Amino acid sequence: MPPTDTQYPARGMVPAVAAMRQALRDLRSGTLDTTGFKPLPDELADEALDDGYAAVRQKAWNTSLRLASHDSYAHWTLNRLDAAEQHRDRLRDYVTALSWAIKKSVAPPKLNAIAYGNTGSGKTTAIIAAGNYAVQSGLRTRYLKHTQYLEWLRPNRAPAGYTEQEVVELYTTDKTQLLILDEVCSGMDNPSDWARTQSEHLVDARRAAGLPTLAATNLTSERIIATVGSRFFSRLAGGAGLFEMLGDDRRCPVNWGEAEDDEPAVTWG
């Protein structure tokens, strides 16, 4: 319901401020409808993007893509996604709600979100496009692969200039307001207790701090639980928004030879 004249006296009250106050009430009540939202009302958008830290946010985001050898994905935006199969509008709504909530220190409608689907279905492209939008919306955002994080926590494996503890702090505090966590549990067929513990700590610390994570995986929920345990799964997926991406392989791989047996179909849930 739009604000009334009684709630917002005309004198000194611009439409953007009234809209923001109404949105804050909706966020707190869990009834915010982000359909058609922009990151901020037009009157305040320039302030958010030119607050002196926009260049720093962009550099941190670009560096995270470079460290993952994903520089080539940097040009992807939400407008380039498939509206239906890659959930373009829902991803925009999710990030927009996060931007409003984090800026005003209130709980977002959905803290975490998970994109799941077949290999090549466009998950990485979609979450990176969402990350680009988050940076433009004023959020400190970084891209990270699950196994990359674990590798950086081993002795002398952290990126140049970082210690293992500084890596943990970077991704579990508001230095990273939105974490784009890709390839969850990928290649972790038999993880050590140490790897399970570090994985749990990453998602647990972020959830405890009210920091959102947008994750992507091609594994079922049962496989994730079997790989790193129910505690990790609960912290990541509890109450999360789900983005199912089960389209054909967008890389259009070329087949050769003859398969001896048909591979079993991939199932989810």
Protein backbone atom coordinates (compact mmCIF):
# COMPACT_ATOMS: atom_id res chain seq x y z
CA MET A 1 0.00 0.00 0.00
CA PRO A 2 1.52 3.38 -0.96
CA PRO A 3 2.24 5.89 1.79
CA THR A 4 -0.52 8.34 2.64
CA ASP A 5 -0.36 12.13 2.90
CA THR A 6 -0.84 11.75 6.66
CA GLN A 7 2.21 9.48 6.93
CA TYR A 8 4.34 11.78 4.81
CA PRO A 9 3.51 15.50 4.98
CA ALA A 10 4.02 17.21 1.66
CA ARG A 11 6.31 19.91 3.02
CA GLY A 12 9.96 18.87 2.70
CA MET A 13 9.14 15.29 1.68
CA VAL A 14 10.41 14.22 -1.77
CA PRO A 15 8.94 11.13 -3.48
CA ALA A 16 12.21 9.19 -3.24
CA VAL A 17 12.31 9.48 0.55
CA ALA A 18 8.68 8.45 0.87
CA ALA A 19 9.31 5.45 -1.38
CA MET A 20 12.35 4.44 0.62
CA ARG A 21 10.52 4.59 3.94
CA GLN A 22 7.67 2.50 2.56
CA ALA A 23 10.16 -0.07 1.23
CA LEU A 24 11.87 -0.27 4.62
CA ARG A 25 8.55 -1.08 6.28
CA ASP A 26 7.90 -3.76 3.67
CA LEU A 27 11.38 -5.23 4.15
CA ARG A 28 10.86 -5.52 7.90
CA SER A 29 7.47 -7.17 7.45
CA GLY A 30 8.72 -9.51 4.73
CA THR A 31 6.21 -8.22 2.17
CA LEU A 32 8.55 -6.32 -0.13
CA ASP A 33 7.66 -6.79 -3.80
CA THR A 34 10.77 -5.98 -5.87
CA THR A 35 9.09 -6.34 -9.25
CA GLY A 36 10.40 -3.56 -11.44
CA PHE A 37 12.66 -2.11 -8.75
CA LYS A 38 15.88 -0.35 -9.51
CA PRO A 39 18.74 -0.56 -6.97
CA LEU A 40 17.60 2.79 -5.53
CA PRO A 41 15.06 5.45 -6.49
CA ASP A 42 16.34 7.62 -9.34
CA GLU A 43 16.88 10.60 -7.08
CA LEU A 44 19.32 8.63 -4.92
CA ALA A 45 20.98 6.35 -7.48
CA ASP A 46 23.86 8.69 -8.32
CA GLU A 47 24.67 9.11 -4.64
CA ALA A 48 25.00 5.35 -4.17
CA LEU A 49 27.18 4.86 -7.24
CA ASP A 50 29.39 7.90 -6.66
CA ASP A 51 29.92 7.57 -2.92
CA GLY A 52 33.70 7.50 -3.29
CA TYR A 53 33.96 3.71 -3.16
CA ALA A 54 32.48 2.67 -6.51
CA ALA A 55 35.89 2.27 -8.13
CA VAL A 56 37.15 0.28 -5.14
CA ARG A 57 34.16 -2.07 -5.28
CA GLN A 58 34.60 -2.58 -9.00
CA LYS A 59 38.31 -3.32 -8.66
CA ALA A 60 37.70 -5.86 -5.87
CA TRP A 61 35.06 -7.60 -8.00
CA ASN A 62 37.28 -7.67 -11.09
CA THR A 63 40.19 -9.00 -9.05
CA SER A 64 38.06 -11.84 -7.68
CA LEU A 65 37.13 -12.83 -11.23
CA ARG A 66 40.75 -12.67 -12.32
CA LEU A 67 41.91 -14.87 -9.43
CA ALA A 68 39.37 -17.47 -10.54
CA SER A 69 40.50 -17.16 -14.19
CA HIS A 70 37.03 -15.89 -15.06
CA ASP A 71 37.96 -12.50 -16.53
CA SER A 72 36.07 -13.43 -19.69
CA TYR A 73 32.79 -13.40 -17.75
CA ALA A 74 33.19 -9.79 -16.59
CA HIS A 75 31.08 -8.38 -19.44
CA TRP A 76 27.96 -10.39 -18.54
CA THR A 77 25.01 -8.36 -17.30
CA LEU A 78 21.53 -9.37 -16.25
CA ASN A 79 20.08 -7.91 -19.42
CA ARG A 80 22.04 -10.46 -21.45
CA LEU A 81 20.60 -13.46 -19.59
CA ASP A 82 17.76 -15.64 -20.79
CA ALA A 83 14.68 -14.30 -19.01
CA ALA A 84 13.14 -17.72 -18.34
CA GLU A 85 15.90 -20.34 -18.16
CA GLN A 86 18.40 -18.14 -16.29
CA HIS A 87 15.84 -16.31 -14.14
CA ARG A 88 16.99 -12.84 -15.15
CA ASP A 89 14.23 -10.92 -13.40
CA ARG A 90 14.22 -13.01 -10.24
CA LEU A 91 17.98 -12.56 -9.85
CA ARG A 92 17.54 -8.80 -10.27
CA ASP A 93 14.82 -8.79 -7.61
CA TYR A 94 16.97 -10.85 -5.23
CA VAL A 95 19.96 -8.53 -5.51
CA THR A 96 17.81 -5.41 -5.33
CA ALA A 97 16.21 -6.57 -2.09
CA LEU A 98 19.67 -7.35 -0.66
CA SER A 99 20.91 -3.90 -1.62
CA TRP A 100 18.02 -2.18 0.16
CA ALA A 101 18.29 -4.39 3.22
CA ILE A 102 22.06 -4.11 3.69
CA LYS A 103 22.10 -0.35 3.20
CA LYS A 104 19.40 0.03 5.88
CA SER A 105 20.61 -2.72 8.25
CA VAL A 106 17.45 -4.81 8.09
CA ALA A 107 17.02 -8.50 7.29
CA PRO A 108 16.42 -9.24 3.58
CA PRO A 109 13.45 -11.39 2.54
CA LYS A 110 15.89 -14.12 1.40
CA LEU A 111 19.43 -14.15 2.78
CA ASN A 112 20.93 -16.86 0.55
CA ALA A 113 20.11 -18.15 -2.91
CA ILE A 114 21.21 -21.21 -4.87
CA ALA A 115 21.40 -21.71 -8.63
CA TYR A 116 21.45 -25.41 -9.45
CA GLY A 117 21.36 -27.34 -12.69
CA ASN A 118 23.15 -29.31 -15.33
CA THR A 119 26.67 -28.63 -16.48
CA GLY A 120 26.66 -25.85 -19.04
CA SER A 121 23.15 -24.64 -18.21
CA GLY A 122 24.34 -21.08 -17.55
CA LYS A 123 24.70 -21.02 -13.76
CA THR A 124 28.10 -19.32 -13.62
CA THR A 125 27.12 -16.75 -16.22
CA ALA A 126 23.93 -15.97 -14.31
CA ILE A 127 25.51 -15.56 -10.87
CA ILE A 128 28.35 -13.44 -12.25
CA ALA A 129 25.83 -11.23 -14.04
CA ALA A 130 24.04 -10.90 -10.70
CA GLY A 131 27.38 -10.04 -9.10
CA ASN A 132 27.98 -7.28 -11.63
CA TYR A 133 24.56 -5.87 -10.83
CA ALA A 134 25.28 -6.08 -7.09
CA VAL A 135 28.49 -4.07 -7.50
CA GLN A 136 26.57 -1.42 -9.43
CA SER A 137 23.97 -1.45 -6.67
CA GLY A 138 26.60 -0.48 -4.12
CA LEU A 139 27.41 -3.86 -2.56
CA ARG A 140 30.93 -5.08 -1.86
CA THR A 141 30.78 -8.27 -3.90
CA ARG A 142 33.31 -10.99 -4.67
CA TYR A 143 33.35 -14.16 -6.74
CA LEU A 144 34.85 -17.32 -5.23
CA LYS A 145 35.03 -21.00 -6.12
CA HIS A 146 34.47 -23.37 -3.20
CA THR A 147 37.63 -25.43 -3.73
CA GLN A 148 39.61 -22.26 -4.44
CA TYR A 149 38.76 -20.98 -0.97
CA LEU A 150 39.93 -24.23 0.66
CA GLU A 151 43.15 -24.16 -1.35
CA TRP A 152 43.89 -20.62 -0.15
CA LEU A 153 43.60 -21.71 3.48
CA ARG A 154 46.49 -24.16 3.15
CA PRO A 155 49.98 -23.00 4.22
CA ASN A 156 51.53 -20.58 1.75
CA ARG A 157 48.71 -20.94 -0.78
CA ALA A 158 46.85 -17.67 -0.17
CA PRO A 159 46.95 -14.96 -2.87
CA ALA A 160 49.95 -12.67 -2.76
CA GLY A 161 49.84 -10.30 0.19
CA TYR A 162 47.35 -12.36 2.22
CA THR A 163 47.68 -14.77 5.12
CA GLU A 164 45.25 -17.67 5.61
CA GLN A 165 43.53 -15.76 8.42
CA GLU A 166 43.15 -12.68 6.24
CA VAL A 167 41.49 -14.83 3.57
CA VAL A 168 38.98 -16.07 6.14
CA GLU A 169 38.31 -12.52 7.33
CA LEU A 170 37.87 -11.28 3.78
CA TYR A 171 35.06 -13.72 3.00
CA THR A 172 33.34 -14.06 6.38
CA THR A 173 32.96 -10.38 7.30
CA ASP A 174 31.28 -7.42 5.65
CA LYS A 175 34.41 -6.85 3.60
CA THR A 176 32.42 -9.09 1.26
CA GLN A 177 28.78 -8.05 1.64
CA LEU A 178 27.61 -10.46 -1.08
CA LEU A 179 29.58 -13.62 -1.80
CA ILE A 180 29.13 -15.28 -5.19
CA LEU A 181 30.14 -18.86 -4.32
CA ASP A 182 30.50 -21.06 -7.40
CA GLU A 183 31.01 -24.78 -7.96
CA VAL A 184 29.86 -25.74 -4.48
CA CYS A 185 31.36 -29.13 -3.55
CA SER A 186 32.64 -29.64 -7.09
CA GLY A 187 35.47 -32.17 -7.23
CA MET A 188 35.17 -32.94 -3.49
CA ASP A 189 34.49 -36.68 -3.68
CA ASN A 190 36.12 -37.52 -0.36
CA PRO A 191 36.90 -34.32 1.55
CA SER A 192 38.92 -34.35 4.74
CA ASP A 193 37.48 -33.37 8.10
CA TRP A 194 39.49 -30.15 7.78
CA ALA A 195 37.83 -29.31 4.44
CA ARG A 196 34.39 -29.99 5.90
CA THR A 197 35.11 -27.81 8.93
CA GLN A 198 36.41 -24.90 6.86
CA SER A 199 33.43 -25.13 4.50
CA GLU A 200 31.03 -25.10 7.44
CA HIS A 201 32.77 -22.11 8.98
CA LEU A 202 32.52 -20.08 5.78
CA VAL A 203 28.74 -20.40 5.41
CA ASP A 204 28.08 -20.41 9.16
CA ALA A 205 30.03 -17.20 9.79
CA ARG A 206 28.34 -15.41 6.92
CA ARG A 207 24.87 -16.50 8.03
CA ALA A 208 25.55 -15.49 11.64
CA ALA A 209 26.66 -12.05 10.43
CA GLY A 210 23.58 -11.67 8.22
CA LEU A 211 25.73 -11.65 5.08
CA PRO A 212 24.16 -13.16 1.94
CA THR A 213 25.64 -15.82 -0.32
CA LEU A 214 24.55 -16.55 -3.89
CA ALA A 215 25.80 -20.06 -4.66
CA ALA A 216 25.83 -22.32 -7.71
CA THR A 217 26.20 -26.09 -7.97
CA ASN A 218 25.49 -28.97 -10.32
CA LEU A 219 25.07 -31.38 -7.39
CA THR A 220 21.82 -32.44 -5.77
CA SER A 221 21.10 -31.49 -2.18
CA GLU A 222 21.64 -35.14 -1.17
CA ARG A 223 25.08 -35.15 -2.77
CA ILE A 224 26.06 -31.95 -1.00
CA ILE A 225 24.95 -33.34 2.37
CA ALA A 226 26.85 -36.57 1.71
CA THR A 227 29.96 -34.60 0.72
CA VAL A 228 30.29 -31.91 3.40
CA GLY A 229 27.53 -32.70 5.86
CA SER A 230 24.11 -31.48 6.90
CA ARG A 231 25.45 -28.54 8.93
CA PHE A 232 26.99 -26.93 5.84
CA PHE A 233 23.85 -27.61 3.82
CA SER A 234 21.54 -26.22 6.50
CA ARG A 235 23.53 -22.99 6.85
CA LEU A 236 23.69 -22.45 3.10
CA ALA A 237 20.27 -23.66 1.96
CA GLY A 238 18.04 -22.96 4.96
CA GLY A 239 15.29 -20.65 3.70
CA ALA A 240 17.25 -19.96 0.52
CA GLY A 241 15.79 -18.86 -2.78
CA LEU A 242 16.19 -21.51 -5.50
CA PHE A 243 17.01 -20.90 -9.15
CA GLU A 244 16.64 -24.06 -11.21
CA MET A 245 18.69 -24.07 -14.42
CA LEU A 246 18.23 -27.29 -16.32
CA GLY A 247 18.56 -26.19 -19.94
CA ASP A 248 20.81 -27.73 -22.58
CA ASP A 249 24.56 -27.25 -22.43
CA ARG A 250 25.06 -23.68 -23.69
CA ARG A 251 28.66 -24.47 -24.64
CA CYS A 252 27.29 -26.75 -27.40
CA PRO A 253 29.98 -29.46 -27.02
CA VAL A 254 30.82 -31.58 -30.06
CA ASN A 255 30.33 -35.34 -29.58
CA TRP A 256 32.52 -38.04 -31.08
CA GLY A 257 32.89 -41.80 -30.78
CA GLU A 258 30.22 -44.13 -29.51
CA ALA A 259 29.06 -44.30 -25.92
CA GLU A 260 28.94 -47.81 -24.48
CA ASP A 261 26.12 -47.03 -22.08
CA ASP A 262 23.73 -44.13 -21.72
CA GLU A 263 24.55 -41.97 -18.73
CA PRO A 264 21.81 -41.79 -16.10
CA ALA A 265 19.67 -38.69 -16.15
CA VAL A 266 20.49 -35.97 -13.62
CA THR A 267 17.85 -35.43 -10.97
CA TRP A 268 17.42 -32.70 -8.37
CA GLY A 269 15.97 -32.19 -4.94
